């Protein structure tokens, strides 16, 4: 499947003058779909709403209702998993970077594609550290906005190294996240995750796990990772995936029972 729906209509066209293309002016969600339902939709919806407010996007309850109505119409009731990418894009006009939050509405773009889980996600990830640091911006930290060049370059470093994921850190060396995932670090019996007050994306798995109270935020230097008692990666598509190594440093993998317990806790399938 390959379907694009712009403002409720099937379309493969986006104006070349669009602010999303020129400035990355917008937000997106990457969702896992099965049986016509978006997994963790309440969390995706909440993050969209929070992001729209922080970016001063002209997005209200009526817009949200229209988006959800469009999703209901286009999501197929099928056992085959799909990726649903939802984008909120600030419309033109606007001179240069300037915009009028009262006049410029949001375009709603829904993209549906088939999903095939990579084989490594059913096993364990080989990870490298990225030479590309995370860009510091406290105003944008946590948002899943369209400016993702840090992740683009980090993914390239993972590909070149033959790894599955690359970790980004601040210029100070403090760990932030993976290029497409959040990282979770076991210290003793306590699971921890890096703070995202300077950079990074507050992912869906991270949000849910923190809300449950069994995950805490902590500062970790990249160089201190070998002290960890285990690592897992998480995002809305992959769920929870254990880390086998970082820069060829091996890590103890969680037991199948511990992985199943973590997945059940967060609301994921245990297998």
C-alpha atoms as a PDB file:
ATOM      1  CA  UNK A   1       0.000   0.000   0.000  1.00  0.00           C
ATOM      2  CA  UNK A   2       1.104   3.541  -0.752  1.00  0.00           C
ATOM      3  CA  UNK A   3      -1.549   6.173  -0.058  1.00  0.00           C
ATOM      4  CA  UNK A   4      -1.247   9.930   0.471  1.00  0.00           C
ATOM      5  CA  UNK A   5      -4.223  11.920   1.749  1.00  0.00           C
ATOM      6  CA  UNK A   6      -3.926  15.718   1.897  1.00  0.00           C
ATOM      7  CA  UNK A   7      -6.729  17.534   3.722  1.00  0.00           C
ATOM      8  CA  UNK A   8      -9.087  14.615   3.184  1.00  0.00           C
ATOM      9  CA  UNK A   9      -8.330  14.015  -0.498  1.00  0.00           C
ATOM     10  CA  UNK A  10      -6.047  11.497  -2.141  1.00  0.00           C
ATOM     11  CA  UNK A  11      -3.104  13.483  -3.502  1.00  0.00           C
ATOM     12  CA  UNK A  12       0.554  13.032  -4.350  1.00  0.00           C
ATOM     13  CA  UNK A  13       1.016  16.785  -4.813  1.00  0.00           C
ATOM     14  CA  UNK A  14       2.425  19.335  -2.368  1.00  0.00           C
ATOM     15  CA  UNK A  15       3.057  22.918  -3.485  1.00  0.00           C
ATOM     16  CA  UNK A  16       6.787  23.432  -4.016  1.00  0.00           C
ATOM     17  CA  UNK A  17       6.478  26.754  -2.153  1.00  0.00           C
ATOM     18  CA  UNK A  18       5.194  25.007   0.958  1.00  0.00           C
ATOM     19  CA  UNK A  19       6.743  26.048   4.273  1.00  0.00           C
ATOM     20  CA  UNK A  20       7.179  22.390   5.205  1.00  0.00           C
ATOM     21  CA  UNK A  21       9.592  22.004   2.289  1.00  0.00           C
ATOM     22  CA  UNK A  22      11.331  25.346   2.730  1.00  0.00           C
ATOM     23  CA  UNK A  23      11.669  25.411   6.517  1.00  0.00           C
ATOM     24  CA  UNK A  24      10.514  22.076   7.913  1.00  0.00           C
ATOM     25  CA  UNK A  25       7.645  24.043   9.456  1.00  0.00           C
ATOM     26  CA  UNK A  26       5.509  21.343  10.995  1.00  0.00           C
ATOM     27  CA  UNK A  27       5.179  18.189  13.066  1.00  0.00           C
ATOM     28  CA  UNK A  28       4.792  14.499  12.359  1.00  0.00           C
ATOM     29  CA  UNK A  29       3.809  11.243  14.022  1.00  0.00           C
ATOM     30  CA  UNK A  30       4.859   7.787  12.871  1.00  0.00           C
ATOM     31  CA  UNK A  31       2.222   5.272  13.944  1.00  0.00           C
ATOM     32  CA  UNK A  32       1.812   1.497  13.894  1.00  0.00           C
ATOM     33  CA  UNK A  33      -1.550   0.364  12.498  1.00  0.00           C
ATOM     34  CA  UNK A  34      -3.335  -2.975  12.541  1.00  0.00           C
ATOM     35  CA  UNK A  35      -7.015  -3.941  12.234  1.00  0.00           C
ATOM     36  CA  UNK A  36      -7.840  -0.353  11.363  1.00  0.00           C
ATOM     37  CA  UNK A  37      -6.521   0.962  14.674  1.00  0.00           C
ATOM     38  CA  UNK A  38      -3.503   3.110  15.526  1.00  0.00           C
ATOM     39  CA  UNK A  39      -1.656   1.632  18.467  1.00  0.00           C
ATOM     40  CA  UNK A  40      -1.277   4.159  21.296  1.00  0.00           C
ATOM     41  CA  UNK A  41      -3.393   6.703  19.435  1.00  0.00           C
ATOM     42  CA  UNK A  42      -4.161   8.678  22.595  1.00  0.00           C
ATOM     43  CA  UNK A  43      -0.430   9.264  23.088  1.00  0.00           C
ATOM     44  CA  UNK A  44       0.126  10.264  19.456  1.00  0.00           C
ATOM     45  CA  UNK A  45      -2.845  12.618  19.585  1.00  0.00           C
ATOM     46  CA  UNK A  46      -1.643  14.218  22.804  1.00  0.00           C
ATOM     47  CA  UNK A  47       1.859  14.737  21.418  1.00  0.00           C
ATOM     48  CA  UNK A  48       0.460  16.335  18.256  1.00  0.00           C
ATOM     49  CA  UNK A  49      -1.624  18.710  20.346  1.00  0.00           C
ATOM     50  CA  UNK A  50       1.305  19.642  22.578  1.00  0.00           C
ATOM     51  CA  UNK A  51       3.593  20.173  19.590  1.00  0.00           C
ATOM     52  CA  UNK A  52       1.047  22.305  17.748  1.00  0.00           C
ATOM     53  CA  UNK A  53       0.738  24.549  20.779  1.00  0.00           C
ATOM     54  CA  UNK A  54       4.495  24.924  21.189  1.00  0.00           C
ATOM     55  CA  UNK A  55       5.007  25.749  17.501  1.00  0.00           C
ATOM     56  CA  UNK A  56       2.019  28.139  17.503  1.00  0.00           C
ATOM     57  CA  UNK A  57       0.330  26.123  14.761  1.00  0.00           C
ATOM     58  CA  UNK A  58      -3.250  27.126  14.014  1.00  0.00           C
ATOM     59  CA  UNK A  59      -4.722  23.820  15.155  1.00  0.00           C
ATOM     60  CA  UNK A  60      -7.889  23.424  17.203  1.00  0.00           C
ATOM     61  CA  UNK A  61     -10.466  20.830  18.237  1.00  0.00           C
ATOM     62  CA  UNK A  62     -12.252  21.074  14.882  1.00  0.00           C
ATOM     63  CA  UNK A  63      -8.994  20.345  13.045  1.00  0.00           C
ATOM     64  CA  UNK A  64      -8.390  17.370  15.322  1.00  0.00           C
ATOM     65  CA  UNK A  65     -11.893  16.074  14.618  1.00  0.00           C
ATOM     66  CA  UNK A  66     -11.322  16.379  10.861  1.00  0.00           C
ATOM     67  CA  UNK A  67      -8.040  14.478  11.143  1.00  0.00           C
ATOM     68  CA  UNK A  68      -9.615  11.657  13.126  1.00  0.00           C
ATOM     69  CA  UNK A  69     -12.531  11.445  10.703  1.00  0.00           C
ATOM     70  CA  UNK A  70     -10.084  11.137   7.798  1.00  0.00           C
ATOM     71  CA  UNK A  71      -8.137   8.435   9.622  1.00  0.00           C
ATOM     72  CA  UNK A  72     -11.328   6.464  10.216  1.00  0.00           C
ATOM     73  CA  UNK A  73     -12.060   6.552   6.486  1.00  0.00           C
ATOM     74  CA  UNK A  74      -8.605   5.613   5.186  1.00  0.00           C
ATOM     75  CA  UNK A  75      -7.288   3.062   7.709  1.00  0.00           C
ATOM     76  CA  UNK A  76      -8.032  -0.407   6.321  1.00  0.00           C
ATOM     77  CA  UNK A  77      -9.422  -3.080   8.634  1.00  0.00           C
ATOM     78  CA  UNK A  78      -6.678  -5.599   7.939  1.00  0.00           C
ATOM     79  CA  UNK A  79      -4.504  -7.926   9.981  1.00  0.00           C
ATOM     80  CA  UNK A  80      -1.528  -6.750   7.932  1.00  0.00           C
ATOM     81  CA  UNK A  81       0.451  -4.088   9.843  1.00  0.00           C
ATOM     82  CA  UNK A  82       0.902  -0.669   8.272  1.00  0.00           C
ATOM     83  CA  UNK A  83       2.832   2.520   8.932  1.00  0.00           C
ATOM     84  CA  UNK A  84       0.705   5.632   9.202  1.00  0.00           C
ATOM     85  CA  UNK A  85       2.605   8.904   9.081  1.00  0.00           C
ATOM     86  CA  UNK A  86       0.622  11.978  10.076  1.00  0.00           C
ATOM     87  CA  UNK A  87       1.964  15.462   9.370  1.00  0.00           C
ATOM     88  CA  UNK A  88       0.706  18.892  10.392  1.00  0.00           C
ATOM     89  CA  UNK A  89       2.173  21.471   8.016  1.00  0.00           C
ATOM     90  CA  UNK A  90       1.862  25.219   8.433  1.00  0.00           C
ATOM     91  CA  UNK A  91       0.318  26.621   5.266  1.00  0.00           C
ATOM     92  CA  UNK A  92       1.606  29.426   3.079  1.00  0.00           C
ATOM     93  CA  UNK A  93       1.605  32.390   2.657  1.00  0.00           C
ATOM     94  CA  UNK A  94       4.008  34.183   4.909  1.00  0.00           C
ATOM     95  CA  UNK A  95       6.935  36.315   3.935  1.00  0.00           C
ATOM     96  CA  UNK A  96      10.177  34.457   4.507  1.00  0.00           C
ATOM     97  CA  UNK A  97      10.231  32.893   7.946  1.00  0.00           C
ATOM     98  CA  UNK A  98       7.398  35.101   9.216  1.00  0.00           C
ATOM     99  CA  UNK A  99       3.899  33.724   9.744  1.00  0.00           C
ATOM    100  CA  UNK A 100       0.542  34.838  11.072  1.00  0.00           C
ATOM    101  CA  UNK A 101      -0.749  32.219  13.519  1.00  0.00           C
ATOM    102  CA  UNK A 102      -4.290  33.555  13.177  1.00  0.00           C
ATOM    103  CA  UNK A 103      -4.420  33.430   9.372  1.00  0.00           C
ATOM    104  CA  UNK A 104      -2.309  30.422   8.410  1.00  0.00           C
ATOM    105  CA  UNK A 105      -4.041  27.105   8.991  1.00  0.00           C
ATOM    106  CA  UNK A 106      -2.466  23.635   8.969  1.00  0.00           C
ATOM    107  CA  UNK A 107      -2.448  21.167   6.122  1.00  0.00           C
ATOM    108  CA  UNK A 108      -3.160  17.607   7.236  1.00  0.00           C
ATOM    109  CA  UNK A 109      -1.142  14.949   5.430  1.00  0.00           C
ATOM    110  CA  UNK A 110      -1.699  11.239   6.038  1.00  0.00           C
ATOM    111  CA  UNK A 111       0.629   8.671   4.465  1.00  0.00           C
ATOM    112  CA  UNK A 112      -0.018   4.925   4.605  1.00  0.00           C
ATOM    113  CA  UNK A 113       2.618   2.354   3.656  1.00  0.00           C
ATOM    114  CA  UNK A 114       3.126  -1.352   4.256  1.00  0.00           C
ATOM    115  CA  UNK A 115       5.216  -2.324   7.264  1.00  0.00           C
ATOM    116  CA  UNK A 116       7.725  -5.150   7.299  1.00  0.00           C
ATOM    117  CA  UNK A 117       9.557  -5.530  10.585  1.00  0.00           C
ATOM    118  CA  UNK A 118      13.343  -5.728  10.079  1.00  0.00           C
ATOM    119  CA  UNK A 119      14.709  -9.097  11.219  1.00  0.00           C
ATOM    120  CA  UNK A 120      17.076  -7.547  13.768  1.00  0.00           C
ATOM    121  CA  UNK A 121      14.176  -6.041  15.706  1.00  0.00           C
ATOM    122  CA  UNK A 122      13.029  -9.547  16.574  1.00  0.00           C
ATOM    123  CA  UNK A 123      16.487 -10.297  17.990  1.00  0.00           C
ATOM    124  CA  UNK A 124      18.849  -7.568  19.245  1.00  0.00           C
ATOM    125  CA  UNK A 125      20.408  -4.367  17.929  1.00  0.00           C
ATOM    126  CA  UNK A 126      24.014  -3.601  17.117  1.00  0.00           C
ATOM    127  CA  UNK A 127      24.516   0.066  17.941  1.00  0.00           C
ATOM    128  CA  UNK A 128      27.253   2.630  17.331  1.00  0.00           C
ATOM    129  CA  UNK A 129      27.827   6.113  18.693  1.00  0.00           C
ATOM    130  CA  UNK A 130      27.369   8.885  16.165  1.00  0.00           C
ATOM    131  CA  UNK A 131      30.034  11.496  15.503  1.00  0.00           C
ATOM    132  CA  UNK A 132      27.151  13.885  14.824  1.00  0.00           C
ATOM    133  CA  UNK A 133      26.111  15.602  18.071  1.00  0.00           C
ATOM    134  CA  UNK A 134      22.522  16.379  18.901  1.00  0.00           C
ATOM    135  CA  UNK A 135      21.662  20.016  18.224  1.00  0.00           C
ATOM    136  CA  UNK A 136      20.814  21.899  21.415  1.00  0.00           C
ATOM    137  CA  UNK A 137      17.550  23.836  21.421  1.00  0.00           C
ATOM    138  CA  UNK A 138      15.519  23.786  24.660  1.00  0.00           C
ATOM    139  CA  UNK A 139      12.543  25.412  22.906  1.00  0.00           C
ATOM    140  CA  UNK A 140      12.227  22.500  20.467  1.00  0.00           C
ATOM    141  CA  UNK A 141      13.459  19.707  22.761  1.00  0.00           C
ATOM    142  CA  UNK A 142      11.021  16.812  22.967  1.00  0.00           C
ATOM    143  CA  UNK A 143       9.094  17.741  19.812  1.00  0.00           C
ATOM    144  CA  UNK A 144       8.800  15.466  16.791  1.00  0.00           C
ATOM    145  CA  UNK A 145       9.199  18.344  14.347  1.00  0.00           C
ATOM    146  CA  UNK A 146      10.161  18.089  10.687  1.00  0.00           C
ATOM    147  CA  UNK A 147      13.763  19.277  11.169  1.00  0.00           C
ATOM    148  CA  UNK A 148      15.563  15.961  11.646  1.00  0.00           C
ATOM    149  CA  UNK A 149      18.973  16.456  10.016  1.00  0.00           C
ATOM    150  CA  UNK A 150      20.785  15.223  13.143  1.00  0.00           C
ATOM    151  CA  UNK A 151      18.998  11.901  12.775  1.00  0.00           C
ATOM    152  CA  UNK A 152      19.532  11.797   9.004  1.00  0.00           C
ATOM    153  CA  UNK A 153      23.304  12.079   9.420  1.00  0.00           C
ATOM    154  CA  UNK A 154      23.379   9.701  12.386  1.00  0.00           C
ATOM    155  CA  UNK A 155      21.468   7.063  10.407  1.00  0.00           C
ATOM    156  CA  UNK A 156      24.101   7.341   7.704  1.00  0.00           C
ATOM    157  CA  UNK A 157      26.845   6.644  10.242  1.00  0.00           C
ATOM    158  CA  UNK A 158      24.965   3.546  11.396  1.00  0.00           C
ATOM    159  CA  UNK A 159      24.605   2.292   7.826  1.00  0.00           C
ATOM    160  CA  UNK A 160      28.290   2.829   7.054  1.00  0.00           C
ATOM    161  CA  UNK A 161      29.246   0.953  10.234  1.00  0.00           C
ATOM    162  CA  UNK A 162      26.889  -1.937   9.463  1.00  0.00           C
ATOM    163  CA  UNK A 163      24.923  -1.172  12.629  1.00  0.00           C
ATOM    164  CA  UNK A 164      21.199  -0.999  13.241  1.00  0.00           C
ATOM    165  CA  UNK A 165      21.105   2.240  15.220  1.00  0.00           C
ATOM    166  CA  UNK A 166      23.324   5.196  16.139  1.00  0.00           C
ATOM    167  CA  UNK A 167      23.305   7.058  19.446  1.00  0.00           C
ATOM    168  CA  UNK A 168      23.436  10.842  19.589  1.00  0.00           C
ATOM    169  CA  UNK A 169      24.891  12.808  22.486  1.00  0.00           C
ATOM    170  CA  UNK A 170      25.144  16.488  23.335  1.00  0.00           C
ATOM    171  CA  UNK A 171      28.475  18.199  22.587  1.00  0.00           C
ATOM    172  CA  UNK A 172      29.161  17.791  26.324  1.00  0.00           C
ATOM    173  CA  UNK A 173      28.994  14.007  25.910  1.00  0.00           C
ATOM    174  CA  UNK A 174      25.677  13.424  27.685  1.00  0.00           C
ATOM    175  CA  UNK A 175      23.542  10.848  25.910  1.00  0.00           C
ATOM    176  CA  UNK A 176      20.286  11.972  24.280  1.00  0.00           C
ATOM    177  CA  UNK A 177      18.714   9.271  22.089  1.00  0.00           C
ATOM    178  CA  UNK A 178      19.061   7.048  19.056  1.00  0.00           C
ATOM    179  CA  UNK A 179      18.594   8.362  15.539  1.00  0.00           C
ATOM    180  CA  UNK A 180      15.122   6.779  15.388  1.00  0.00           C
ATOM    181  CA  UNK A 181      14.530   5.623  18.951  1.00  0.00           C
ATOM    182  CA  UNK A 182      14.820   6.469  22.606  1.00  0.00           C
ATOM    183  CA  UNK A 183      17.317   4.545  24.685  1.00  0.00           C
ATOM    184  CA  UNK A 184      16.625   2.948  28.064  1.00  0.00           C
ATOM    185  CA  UNK A 185      19.420   2.010  30.436  1.00  0.00           C
ATOM    186  CA  UNK A 186      19.272  -0.517  33.251  1.00  0.00           C
ATOM    187  CA  UNK A 187      21.290   0.408  36.345  1.00  0.00           C
ATOM    188  CA  UNK A 188      20.933  -2.270  38.987  1.00  0.00           C
ATOM    189  CA  UNK A 189      17.215  -2.982  38.993  1.00  0.00           C
ATOM    190  CA  UNK A 190      16.221   0.527  37.890  1.00  0.00           C
ATOM    191  CA  UNK A 191      15.480   1.455  34.276  1.00  0.00           C
ATOM    192  CA  UNK A 192      16.556   4.975  33.304  1.00  0.00           C
ATOM    193  CA  UNK A 193      16.423   7.191  30.218  1.00  0.00           C
ATOM    194  CA  UNK A 194      18.316  10.386  29.299  1.00  0.00           C
ATOM    195  CA  UNK A 195      16.750  13.761  30.000  1.00  0.00           C
ATOM    196  CA  UNK A 196      15.421  15.562  26.943  1.00  0.00           C
ATOM    197  CA  UNK A 197      15.430  19.153  28.165  1.00  0.00           C
ATOM    198  CA  UNK A 198      18.075  20.253  25.626  1.00  0.00           C
ATOM    199  CA  UNK A 199      17.465  18.043  22.594  1.00  0.00           C
ATOM    200  CA  UNK A 200      15.752  14.891  21.393  1.00  0.00           C
ATOM    201  CA  UNK A 201      12.270  13.487  20.771  1.00  0.00           C
ATOM    202  CA  UNK A 202       9.993  12.443  23.604  1.00  0.00           C
ATOM    203  CA  UNK A 203       8.945   9.184  21.995  1.00  0.00           C
ATOM    204  CA  UNK A 204       5.695   7.305  22.525  1.00  0.00           C
ATOM    205  CA  UNK A 205       7.268   4.343  24.346  1.00  0.00           C
ATOM    206  CA  UNK A 206       9.252   6.742  26.547  1.00  0.00           C
ATOM    207  CA  UNK A 207       6.150   8.775  27.400  1.00  0.00           C
ATOM    208  CA  UNK A 208       4.145   5.702  28.358  1.00  0.00           C
ATOM    209  CA  UNK A 209       6.919   4.137  30.416  1.00  0.00           C
ATOM    210  CA  UNK A 210       7.631   7.351  32.346  1.00  0.00           C
ATOM    211  CA  UNK A 211       3.936   7.762  33.079  1.00  0.00           C
ATOM    212  CA  UNK A 212       3.868   4.316  34.672  1.00  0.00           C
ATOM    213  CA  UNK A 213       6.486   5.412  37.212  1.00  0.00           C
ATOM    214  CA  UNK A 214       8.931   2.527  36.764  1.00  0.00           C
ATOM    215  CA  UNK A 215      11.260   4.562  34.526  1.00  0.00           C
ATOM    216  CA  UNK A 216      13.227   7.614  35.693  1.00  0.00           C
ATOM    217  CA  UNK A 217      15.220  10.296  33.879  1.00  0.00           C
ATOM    218  CA  UNK A 218      18.958  10.421  34.516  1.00  0.00           C
ATOM    219  CA  UNK A 219      22.130  11.895  33.044  1.00  0.00           C
ATOM    220  CA  UNK A 220      24.369   9.374  31.286  1.00  0.00           C
ATOM    221  CA  UNK A 221      27.629  10.140  29.563  1.00  0.00           C
ATOM    222  CA  UNK A 222      28.123   8.101  26.421  1.00  0.00           C
ATOM    223  CA  UNK A 223      31.471   6.941  27.775  1.00  0.00           C
ATOM    224  CA  UNK A 224      29.769   5.552  30.903  1.00  0.00           C
ATOM    225  CA  UNK A 225      27.430   3.194  29.046  1.00  0.00           C
ATOM    226  CA  UNK A 226      29.681   0.153  29.666  1.00  0.00           C
ATOM    227  CA  UNK A 227      28.672   0.478  33.342  1.00  0.00           C
ATOM    228  CA  UNK A 228      25.045  -0.233  32.456  1.00  0.00           C
ATOM    229  CA  UNK A 229      23.446  -3.569  33.312  1.00  0.00           C
ATOM    230  CA  UNK A 230      21.476  -3.646  30.087  1.00  0.00           C
ATOM    231  CA  UNK A 231      20.097  -1.482  27.290  1.00  0.00           C
ATOM    232  CA  UNK A 232      16.935  -1.465  25.206  1.00  0.00           C
ATOM    233  CA  UNK A 233      15.689   0.784  22.406  1.00  0.00           C
ATOM    234  CA  UNK A 234      12.100   1.848  21.910  1.00  0.00           C
ATOM    235  CA  UNK A 235       9.786   3.599  19.488  1.00  0.00           C
ATOM    236  CA  UNK A 236       6.192   3.313  18.314  1.00  0.00           C
ATOM    237  CA  UNK A 237       7.045   0.944  15.447  1.00  0.00           C
ATOM    238  CA  UNK A 238       9.717  -1.326  16.893  1.00  0.00           C
ATOM    239  CA  UNK A 239       8.277  -1.428  20.396  1.00  0.00           C
ATOM    240  CA  UNK A 240      11.064  -2.559  22.740  1.00  0.00           C
ATOM    241  CA  UNK A 241      14.257  -4.065  21.270  1.00  0.00           C
ATOM    242  CA  UNK A 242      17.283  -5.179  23.340  1.00  0.00           C
ATOM    243  CA  UNK A 243      20.761  -3.873  22.549  1.00  0.00           C
ATOM    244  CA  UNK A 244      23.477  -6.468  21.950  1.00  0.00           C
ATOM    245  CA  UNK A 245      26.400  -4.046  21.645  1.00  0.00           C
ATOM    246  CA  UNK A 246      27.448  -0.398  21.444  1.00  0.00           C
ATOM    247  CA  UNK A 247      30.664   0.307  19.529  1.00  0.00           C
ATOM    248  CA  UNK A 248      31.454  -3.439  19.778  1.00  0.00           C
ATOM    249  CA  UNK A 249      31.086  -3.365  23.584  1.00  0.00           C
ATOM    250  CA  UNK A 250      28.778  -6.285  24.400  1.00  0.00           C
ATOM    251  CA  UNK A 251      25.865  -5.923  26.817  1.00  0.00           C
ATOM    252  CA  UNK A 252      23.926  -8.520  28.760  1.00  0.00           C
ATOM    253  CA  UNK A 253      20.588  -9.077  27.064  1.00  0.00           C
ATOM    254  CA  UNK A 254      17.389  -8.996  29.131  1.00  0.00           C
ATOM    255  CA  UNK A 255      15.892 -12.421  29.695  1.00  0.00           C
ATOM    256  CA  UNK A 256      12.875 -13.362  27.567  1.00  0.00           C
ATOM    257  CA  UNK A 257      10.723 -13.068  30.692  1.00  0.00           C
ATOM    258  CA  UNK A 258      12.012  -9.574  31.500  1.00  0.00           C
ATOM    259  CA  UNK A 259      11.415  -8.443  27.916  1.00  0.00           C
ATOM    260  CA  UNK A 260       7.899  -9.868  27.969  1.00  0.00           C
ATOM    261  CA  UNK A 261       7.198  -8.115  31.276  1.00  0.00           C
ATOM    262  CA  UNK A 262       8.463  -4.785  29.911  1.00  0.00           C
ATOM    263  CA  UNK A 263       6.365  -5.081  26.777  1.00  0.00           C
ATOM    264  CA  UNK A 264       3.264  -6.041  28.731  1.00  0.00           C
ATOM    265  CA  UNK A 265       3.820  -3.141  31.117  1.00  0.00           C
ATOM    266  CA  UNK A 266       3.923  -0.633  28.268  1.00  0.00           C
ATOM    267  CA  UNK A 267       1.004  -2.232  26.428  1.00  0.00           C
ATOM    268  CA  UNK A 268       2.917  -3.987  23.657  1.00  0.00           C
ATOM    269  CA  UNK A 269       2.521  -7.575  22.463  1.00  0.00           C
ATOM    270  CA  UNK A 270       4.881  -9.768  24.481  1.00  0.00           C
ATOM    271  CA  UNK A 271       6.244 -11.702  21.476  1.00  0.00           C
END
